[in-house]
Amino acid sequence: MMFLLFSCSDPSGHYHECSFSGFDLEVCMESVTALVQQGWRLYSIKLIDHDNRASFLPIEAFDGQSLFYPIQQLQNEWETLLSS
């Protein structure tokens, strides 16, 4: 299980501390991206992975554009390189 913990404000400017969790990082990231597309503003975002390691993610990466396909593309490239 992975967790994304983030601070943000909604389109009307109200501040929130939120989280998404799941087994798939891409799905969690797409959920945050969907909020940005709806006008929410991110202040910080932290990933806690299945080994309980925490990493801050760059909020600039969440610009409202889908991250799913670029991440899948990178994964395919890594798998190709590792299998060579």
PDB file of N, CA and C in Angstrom:
ATOM      1  N   MET A   1       0.853  -1.176   0.000  1.00  0.00           N
ATOM      2  CA  MET A   1       0.000   0.000   0.000  1.00  0.00           C
ATOM      3  C   MET A   1       0.895   1.233   0.000  1.00  0.00           C
ATOM      4  N   MET A   2       0.526   2.211  -0.808  1.00  0.00           N
ATOM      5  CA  MET A   2       1.231   3.482  -0.889  1.00  0.00           C
ATOM      6  C   MET A   2       0.276   4.596  -0.481  1.00  0.00           C
ATOM      7  N   PHE A   3       0.865   5.676   0.025  1.00  0.00           N
ATOM      8  CA  PHE A   3       0.074   6.823   0.440  1.00  0.00           C
ATOM      9  C   PHE A   3       0.653   8.091  -0.176  1.00  0.00           C
ATOM     10  N   LEU A   4      -0.214   8.961  -0.636  1.00  0.00           N
ATOM     11  CA  LEU A   4       0.164  10.314  -1.024  1.00  0.00           C
ATOM     12  C   LEU A   4      -0.501  11.251  -0.028  1.00  0.00           C
ATOM     13  N   LEU A   5       0.297  11.992   0.703  1.00  0.00           N
ATOM     14  CA  LEU A   5      -0.199  12.979   1.660  1.00  0.00           C
ATOM     15  C   LEU A   5       0.105  14.349   1.083  1.00  0.00           C
ATOM     16  N   PHE A   6      -0.893  15.204   1.011  1.00  0.00           N
ATOM     17  CA  PHE A   6      -0.641  16.497   0.382  1.00  0.00           C
ATOM     18  C   PHE A   6      -1.443  17.613   1.024  1.00  0.00           C
ATOM     19  N   SER A   7      -0.847  18.791   0.989  1.00  0.00           N
ATOM     20  CA  SER A   7      -1.536  19.998   1.439  1.00  0.00           C
ATOM     21  C   SER A   7      -1.913  20.778   0.193  1.00  0.00           C
ATOM     22  N   CYS A   8      -3.101  21.370   0.240  1.00  0.00           N
ATOM     23  CA  CYS A   8      -3.627  22.028  -0.956  1.00  0.00           C
ATOM     24  C   CYS A   8      -4.716  23.016  -0.576  1.00  0.00           C
ATOM     25  N   SER A   9      -5.143  23.767  -1.565  1.00  0.00           N
ATOM     26  CA  SER A   9      -6.328  24.604  -1.383  1.00  0.00           C
ATOM     27  C   SER A   9      -7.290  24.305  -2.524  1.00  0.00           C
ATOM     28  N   ASP A  10      -8.569  24.351  -2.198  1.00  0.00           N
ATOM     29  CA  ASP A  10      -9.597  24.091  -3.207  1.00  0.00           C
ATOM     30  C   ASP A  10      -9.789  25.342  -4.070  1.00  0.00           C
ATOM     31  N   PRO A  11     -10.592  25.251  -5.117  1.00  0.00           N
ATOM     32  CA  PRO A  11     -10.772  26.404  -6.007  1.00  0.00           C
ATOM     33  C   PRO A  11     -11.268  27.675  -5.317  1.00  0.00           C
ATOM     34  N   SER A  12     -11.932  27.534  -4.171  1.00  0.00           N
ATOM     35  CA  SER A  12     -12.398  28.725  -3.459  1.00  0.00           C
ATOM     36  C   SER A  12     -11.364  29.250  -2.462  1.00  0.00           C
ATOM     37  N   GLY A  13     -10.193  28.588  -2.380  1.00  0.00           N
ATOM     38  CA  GLY A  13      -9.108  29.069  -1.544  1.00  0.00           C
ATOM     39  C   GLY A  13      -9.029  28.465  -0.154  1.00  0.00           C
ATOM     40  N   HIS A  14      -9.899  27.527   0.184  1.00  0.00           N
ATOM     41  CA  HIS A  14      -9.867  26.885   1.500  1.00  0.00           C
ATOM     42  C   HIS A  14      -8.748  25.845   1.558  1.00  0.00           C
ATOM     43  N   TYR A  15      -7.980  25.882   2.638  1.00  0.00           N
ATOM     44  CA  TYR A  15      -6.830  25.000   2.829  1.00  0.00           C
ATOM     45  C   TYR A  15      -7.285  23.617   3.309  1.00  0.00           C
ATOM     46  N   HIS A  16      -6.596  22.568   2.802  1.00  0.00           N
ATOM     47  CA  HIS A  16      -6.917  21.183   3.168  1.00  0.00           C
ATOM     48  C   HIS A  16      -5.629  20.367   3.310  1.00  0.00           C
ATOM     49  N   GLU A  17      -5.668  19.389   4.202  1.00  0.00           N
ATOM     50  CA  GLU A  17      -4.658  18.333   4.284  1.00  0.00           C
ATOM     51  C   GLU A  17      -5.369  17.078   3.803  1.00  0.00           C
ATOM     52  N   CYS A  18      -4.865  16.459   2.730  1.00  0.00           N
ATOM     53  CA  CYS A  18      -5.559  15.338   2.101  1.00  0.00           C
ATOM     54  C   CYS A  18      -4.623  14.151   1.927  1.00  0.00           C
ATOM     55  N   SER A  19      -5.220  13.012   1.582  1.00  0.00           N
ATOM     56  CA  SER A  19      -4.412  11.829   1.284  1.00  0.00           C
ATOM     57  C   SER A  19      -5.161  10.921   0.317  1.00  0.00           C
ATOM     58  N   PHE A  20      -4.390  10.193  -0.439  1.00  0.00           N
ATOM     59  CA  PHE A  20      -4.892   9.113  -1.278  1.00  0.00           C
ATOM     60  C   PHE A  20      -4.037   7.900  -0.973  1.00  0.00           C
ATOM     61  N   SER A  21      -4.635   6.725  -1.011  1.00  0.00           N
ATOM     62  CA  SER A  21      -3.867   5.505  -0.801  1.00  0.00           C
ATOM     63  C   SER A  21      -4.289   4.462  -1.815  1.00  0.00           C
ATOM     64  N   GLY A  22      -3.384   3.536  -2.056  1.00  0.00           N
ATOM     65  CA  GLY A  22      -3.677   2.462  -2.984  1.00  0.00           C
ATOM     66  C   GLY A  22      -2.441   1.626  -3.232  1.00  0.00           C
ATOM     67  N   PHE A  23      -2.611   0.590  -4.009  1.00  0.00           N
ATOM     68  CA  PHE A  23      -1.506  -0.297  -4.324  1.00  0.00           C
ATOM     69  C   PHE A  23      -0.784   0.130  -5.596  1.00  0.00           C
ATOM     70  N   ASP A  24      -1.373   1.052  -6.341  1.00  0.00           N
ATOM     71  CA  ASP A  24      -0.829   1.472  -7.622  1.00  0.00           C
ATOM     72  C   ASP A  24      -0.484   2.962  -7.562  1.00  0.00           C
ATOM     73  N   LEU A  25       0.799   3.278  -7.659  1.00  0.00           N
ATOM     74  CA  LEU A  25       1.257   4.662  -7.577  1.00  0.00           C
ATOM     75  C   LEU A  25       0.625   5.532  -8.652  1.00  0.00           C
ATOM     76  N   GLU A  26       0.509   4.991  -9.863  1.00  0.00           N
ATOM     77  CA  GLU A  26      -0.034   5.779 -10.960  1.00  0.00           C
ATOM     78  C   GLU A  26      -1.467   6.219 -10.682  1.00  0.00           C
ATOM     79  N   VAL A  27      -2.261   5.345 -10.090  1.00  0.00           N
ATOM     80  CA  VAL A  27      -3.654   5.685  -9.792  1.00  0.00           C
ATOM     81  C   VAL A  27      -3.709   6.800  -8.751  1.00  0.00           C
ATOM     82  N   CYS A  28      -2.884   6.710  -7.715  1.00  0.00           N
ATOM     83  CA  CYS A  28      -2.839   7.770  -6.698  1.00  0.00           C
ATOM     84  C   CYS A  28      -2.424   9.099  -7.325  1.00  0.00           C
ATOM     85  N   MET A  29      -1.411   9.061  -8.171  1.00  0.00           N
ATOM     86  CA  MET A  29      -0.939  10.291  -8.800  1.00  0.00           C
ATOM     87  C   MET A  29      -1.987  10.874  -9.736  1.00  0.00           C
ATOM     88  N   GLU A  30      -2.712  10.025 -10.432  1.00  0.00           N
ATOM     89  CA  GLU A  30      -3.771  10.517 -11.319  1.00  0.00           C
ATOM     90  C   GLU A  30      -4.893  11.171 -10.525  1.00  0.00           C
ATOM     91  N   SER A  31      -5.139  10.683  -9.316  1.00  0.00           N
ATOM     92  CA  SER A  31      -6.163  11.296  -8.474  1.00  0.00           C
ATOM     93  C   SER A  31      -5.779  12.719  -8.099  1.00  0.00           C
ATOM     94  N   VAL A  32      -4.512  12.931  -7.764  1.00  0.00           N
ATOM     95  CA  VAL A  32      -4.039  14.285  -7.457  1.00  0.00           C
ATOM     96  C   VAL A  32      -4.101  15.155  -8.710  1.00  0.00           C
ATOM     97  N   THR A  33      -3.693  14.603  -9.841  1.00  0.00           N
ATOM     98  CA  THR A  33      -3.744  15.335 -11.108  1.00  0.00           C
ATOM     99  C   THR A  33      -5.175  15.786 -11.417  1.00  0.00           C
ATOM    100  N   ALA A  34      -6.142  14.924 -11.142  1.00  0.00           N
ATOM    101  CA  ALA A  34      -7.549  15.284 -11.389  1.00  0.00           C
ATOM    102  C   ALA A  34      -7.967  16.485 -10.541  1.00  0.00           C
ATOM    103  N   LEU A  35      -7.491  16.559  -9.305  1.00  0.00           N
ATOM    104  CA  LEU A  35      -7.808  17.721  -8.471  1.00  0.00           C
ATOM    105  C   LEU A  35      -7.202  18.993  -9.061  1.00  0.00           C
ATOM    106  N   VAL A  36      -5.966  18.906  -9.519  1.00  0.00           N
ATOM    107  CA  VAL A  36      -5.303  20.069 -10.122  1.00  0.00           C
ATOM    108  C   VAL A  36      -6.078  20.514 -11.367  1.00  0.00           C
ATOM    109  N   GLN A  37      -6.541  19.557 -12.159  1.00  0.00           N
ATOM    110  CA  GLN A  37      -7.341  19.894 -13.341  1.00  0.00           C
ATOM    111  C   GLN A  37      -8.612  20.642 -12.963  1.00  0.00           C
ATOM    112  N   GLN A  38      -9.138  20.394 -11.764  1.00  0.00           N
ATOM    113  CA  GLN A  38     -10.367  21.033 -11.304  1.00  0.00           C
ATOM    114  C   GLN A  38     -10.103  22.351 -10.581  1.00  0.00           C
ATOM    115  N   GLY A  39      -8.837  22.797 -10.567  1.00  0.00           N
ATOM    116  CA  GLY A  39      -8.533  24.098  -9.996  1.00  0.00           C
ATOM    117  C   GLY A  39      -7.956  24.088  -8.593  1.00  0.00           C
ATOM    118  N   TRP A  40      -7.665  22.909  -8.047  1.00  0.00           N
ATOM    119  CA  TRP A  40      -7.038  22.839  -6.735  1.00  0.00           C
ATOM    120  C   TRP A  40      -5.567  23.221  -6.872  1.00  0.00           C
ATOM    121  N   ARG A  41      -4.995  23.794  -5.813  1.00  0.00           N
ATOM    122  CA  ARG A  41      -3.589  24.216  -5.820  1.00  0.00           C
ATOM    123  C   ARG A  41      -2.812  23.405  -4.783  1.00  0.00           C
ATOM    124  N   LEU A  42      -1.713  22.794  -5.215  1.00  0.00           N
ATOM    125  CA  LEU A  42      -0.871  21.993  -4.315  1.00  0.00           C
ATOM    126  C   LEU A  42       0.193  22.856  -3.667  1.00  0.00           C
ATOM    127  N   TYR A  43       0.472  22.570  -2.383  1.00  0.00           N
ATOM    128  CA  TYR A  43       1.557  23.236  -1.666  1.00  0.00           C
ATOM    129  C   TYR A  43       2.698  22.265  -1.361  1.00  0.00           C
ATOM    130  N   SER A  44       2.361  21.022  -1.061  1.00  0.00           N
ATOM    131  CA  SER A  44       3.370  19.985  -0.850  1.00  0.00           C
ATOM    132  C   SER A  44       2.714  18.631  -1.060  1.00  0.00           C
ATOM    133  N   ILE A  45       3.537  17.650  -1.436  1.00  0.00           N
ATOM    134  CA  ILE A  45       3.028  16.302  -1.630  1.00  0.00           C
ATOM    135  C   ILE A  45       4.124  15.312  -1.241  1.00  0.00           C
ATOM    136  N   LYS A  46       3.748  14.355  -0.401  1.00  0.00           N
ATOM    137  CA  LYS A  46       4.705  13.381   0.099  1.00  0.00           C
ATOM    138  C   LYS A  46       4.204  11.977  -0.205  1.00  0.00           C
ATOM    139  N   LEU A  47       5.090  11.150  -0.710  1.00  0.00           N
ATOM    140  CA  LEU A  47       4.813   9.747  -0.990  1.00  0.00           C
ATOM    141  C   LEU A  47       5.367   8.907   0.151  1.00  0.00           C
ATOM    142  N   ILE A  48       4.547   8.020   0.685  1.00  0.00           N
ATOM    143  CA  ILE A  48       5.016   7.013   1.636  1.00  0.00           C
ATOM    144  C   ILE A  48       4.799   5.665   0.961  1.00  0.00           C
ATOM    145  N   ASP A  49       5.908   4.961   0.699  1.00  0.00           N
ATOM    146  CA  ASP A  49       5.815   3.714  -0.063  1.00  0.00           C
ATOM    147  C   ASP A  49       5.515   2.523   0.844  1.00  0.00           C
ATOM    148  N   HIS A  50       5.432   1.343   0.226  1.00  0.00           N
ATOM    149  CA  HIS A  50       5.062   0.122   0.952  1.00  0.00           C
ATOM    150  C   HIS A  50       6.099  -0.294   2.000  1.00  0.00           C
ATOM    151  N   ASP A  51       7.317   0.255   1.923  1.00  0.00           N
ATOM    152  CA  ASP A  51       8.344  -0.007   2.938  1.00  0.00           C
ATOM    153  C   ASP A  51       8.390   1.108   3.983  1.00  0.00           C
ATOM    154  N   ASN A  52       7.387   1.975   3.970  1.00  0.00           N
ATOM    155  CA  ASN A  52       7.251   3.093   4.905  1.00  0.00           C
ATOM    156  C   ASN A  52       8.350   4.150   4.738  1.00  0.00           C
ATOM    157  N   ARG A  53       8.900   4.252   3.536  1.00  0.00           N
ATOM    158  CA  ARG A  53       9.870   5.311   3.230  1.00  0.00           C
ATOM    159  C   ARG A  53       9.112   6.506   2.689  1.00  0.00           C
ATOM    160  N   ALA A  54       9.519   7.692   3.127  1.00  0.00           N
ATOM    161  CA  ALA A  54       8.840   8.922   2.708  1.00  0.00           C
ATOM    162  C   ALA A  54       9.723   9.728   1.760  1.00  0.00           C
ATOM    163  N   SER A  55       9.110  10.268   0.722  1.00  0.00           N
ATOM    164  CA  SER A  55       9.795  11.132  -0.240  1.00  0.00           C
ATOM    165  C   SER A  55       8.852  12.263  -0.625  1.00  0.00           C
ATOM    166  N   PHE A  56       9.390  13.472  -0.636  1.00  0.00           N
ATOM    167  CA  PHE A  56       8.599  14.588  -1.142  1.00  0.00           C
ATOM    168  C   PHE A  56       8.670  14.589  -2.663  1.00  0.00           C
ATOM    169  N   LEU A  57       7.547  14.813  -3.300  1.00  0.00           N
ATOM    170  CA  LEU A  57       7.473  14.864  -4.757  1.00  0.00           C
ATOM    171  C   LEU A  57       7.385  16.324  -5.191  1.00  0.00           C
ATOM    172  N   PRO A  58       7.934  16.630  -6.373  1.00  0.00           N
ATOM    173  CA  PRO A  58       7.860  18.023  -6.849  1.00  0.00           C
ATOM    174  C   PRO A  58       6.433  18.370  -7.279  1.00  0.00           C
ATOM    175  N   ILE A  59       5.891  19.418  -6.692  1.00  0.00           N
ATOM    176  CA  ILE A  59       4.513  19.793  -7.036  1.00  0.00           C
ATOM    177  C   ILE A  59       4.404  20.256  -8.485  1.00  0.00           C
ATOM    178  N   GLU A  60       5.526  20.691  -9.066  1.00  0.00           N
ATOM    179  CA  GLU A  60       5.521  21.131 -10.461  1.00  0.00           C
ATOM    180  C   GLU A  60       5.156  19.995 -11.408  1.00  0.00           C
ATOM    181  N   ALA A  61       5.383  18.752 -10.982  1.00  0.00           N
ATOM    182  CA  ALA A  61       5.057  17.599 -11.828  1.00  0.00           C
ATOM    183  C   ALA A  61       3.547  17.418 -11.965  1.00  0.00           C
ATOM    184  N   PHE A  62       2.792  17.994 -11.052  1.00  0.00           N
ATOM    185  CA  PHE A  62       1.338  17.863 -11.060  1.00  0.00           C
ATOM    186  C   PHE A  62       0.735  19.137 -11.640  1.00  0.00           C
ATOM    187  N   ASP A  63       0.802  19.230 -12.975  1.00  0.00           N
ATOM    188  CA  ASP A  63       0.359  20.442 -13.664  1.00  0.00           C
ATOM    189  C   ASP A  63      -1.009  20.273 -14.328  1.00  0.00           C
ATOM    190  N   GLY A  64      -1.673  19.169 -14.024  1.00  0.00           N
ATOM    191  CA  GLY A  64      -2.983  18.915 -14.629  1.00  0.00           C
ATOM    192  C   GLY A  64      -2.922  17.980 -15.817  1.00  0.00           C
ATOM    193  N   GLN A  65      -1.717  17.682 -16.291  1.00  0.00           N
ATOM    194  CA  GLN A  65      -1.550  16.749 -17.396  1.00  0.00           C
ATOM    195  C   GLN A  65      -1.375  15.340 -16.838  1.00  0.00           C
ATOM    196  N   SER A  66      -1.934  14.366 -17.500  1.00  0.00           N
ATOM    197  CA  SER A  66      -1.855  12.981 -17.036  1.00  0.00           C
ATOM    198  C   SER A  66      -0.406  12.523 -16.930  1.00  0.00           C
ATOM    199  N   LEU A  67      -0.102  11.828 -15.846  1.00  0.00           N
ATOM    200  CA  LEU A  67       1.227  11.247 -15.642  1.00  0.00           C
ATOM    201  C   LEU A  67       1.241   9.758 -15.974  1.00  0.00           C
ATOM    202  N   PHE A  68       0.072   9.186 -16.198  1.00  0.00           N
ATOM    203  CA  PHE A  68      -0.037   7.742 -16.383  1.00  0.00           C
ATOM    204  C   PHE A  68       0.786   7.236 -17.562  1.00  0.00           C
ATOM    205  N   TYR A  69       0.603   7.812 -18.726  1.00  0.00           N
ATOM    206  CA  TYR A  69       1.291   7.301 -19.915  1.00  0.00           C
ATOM    207  C   TYR A  69       2.797   7.558 -19.893  1.00  0.00           C
ATOM    208  N   PRO A  70       3.255   8.737 -19.470  1.00  0.00           N
ATOM    209  CA  PRO A  70       4.708   8.911 -19.358  1.00  0.00           C
ATOM    210  C   PRO A  70       5.352   7.928 -18.371  1.00  0.00           C
ATOM    211  N   ILE A  71       4.683   7.645 -17.261  1.00  0.00           N
ATOM    212  CA  ILE A  71       5.227   6.694 -16.299  1.00  0.00           C
ATOM    213  C   ILE A  71       5.236   5.287 -16.890  1.00  0.00           C
ATOM    214  N   GLN A  72       4.172   4.916 -17.573  1.00  0.00           N
ATOM    215  CA  GLN A  72       4.127   3.602 -18.212  1.00  0.00           C
ATOM    216  C   GLN A  72       5.218   3.461 -19.268  1.00  0.00           C
ATOM    217  N   GLN A  73       5.460   4.545 -20.008  1.00  0.00           N
ATOM    218  CA  GLN A  73       6.506   4.535 -21.022  1.00  0.00           C
ATOM    219  C   GLN A  73       7.879   4.318 -20.387  1.00  0.00           C
ATOM    220  N   LEU A  74       8.141   5.020 -19.281  1.00  0.00           N
ATOM    221  CA  LEU A  74       9.411   4.826 -18.569  1.00  0.00           C
ATOM    222  C   LEU A  74       9.533   3.404 -18.038  1.00  0.00           C
ATOM    223  N   GLN A  75       8.462   2.870 -17.509  1.00  0.00           N
ATOM    224  CA  GLN A  75       8.494   1.504 -16.997  1.00  0.00           C
ATOM    225  C   GLN A  75       8.804   0.515 -18.115  1.00  0.00           C
ATOM    226  N   ASN A  76       8.201   0.694 -19.267  1.00  0.00           N
ATOM    227  CA  ASN A  76       8.481  -0.187 -20.402  1.00  0.00           C
ATOM    228  C   ASN A  76       9.959  -0.101 -20.815  1.00  0.00           C
ATOM    229  N   GLU A  77      10.520   1.107 -20.805  1.00  0.00           N
ATOM    230  CA  GLU A  77      11.923   1.268 -21.150  1.00  0.00           C
ATOM    231  C   GLU A  77      12.821   0.580 -20.133  1.00  0.00           C
ATOM    232  N   TRP A  78      12.506   0.740 -18.838  1.00  0.00           N
ATOM    233  CA  TRP A  78      13.316   0.083 -17.786  1.00  0.00           C
ATOM    234  C   TRP A  78      13.258  -1.431 -17.947  1.00  0.00           C
ATOM    235  N   GLU A  79      12.050  -1.962 -18.181  1.00  0.00           N
ATOM    236  CA  GLU A  79      11.905  -3.403 -18.319  1.00  0.00           C
ATOM    237  C   GLU A  79      12.675  -3.925 -19.527  1.00  0.00           C
ATOM    238  N   THR A  80      12.667  -3.163 -20.606  1.00  0.00           N
ATOM    239  CA  THR A  80      13.421  -3.557 -21.805  1.00  0.00           C
ATOM    240  C   THR A  80      14.915  -3.565 -21.499  1.00  0.00           C
ATOM    241  N   LEU A  81      15.408  -2.522 -20.826  1.00  0.00           N
ATOM    242  CA  LEU A  81      16.825  -2.451 -20.481  1.00  0.00           C
ATOM    243  C   LEU A  81      17.231  -3.554 -19.523  1.00  0.00           C
ATOM    244  N   LEU A  82      16.394  -3.851 -18.555  1.00  0.00           N
ATOM    245  CA  LEU A  82      16.728  -4.868 -17.562  1.00  0.00           C
ATOM    246  C   LEU A  82      16.704  -6.268 -18.137  1.00  0.00           C
ATOM    247  N   SER A  83      15.898  -6.472 -19.160  1.00  0.00           N
ATOM    248  CA  SER A  83      15.814  -7.816 -19.758  1.00  0.00           C
ATOM    249  C   SER A  83      16.886  -8.043 -20.816  1.00  0.00           C
ATOM    250  N   SER A  84      17.640  -6.992 -21.152  1.00  0.00           N
ATOM    251  CA  SER A  84      18.704  -7.126 -22.172  1.00  0.00           C
ATOM    252  C   SER A  84      19.934  -7.785 -21.623  1.00  0.00           C
TER     253      SER A  84
END
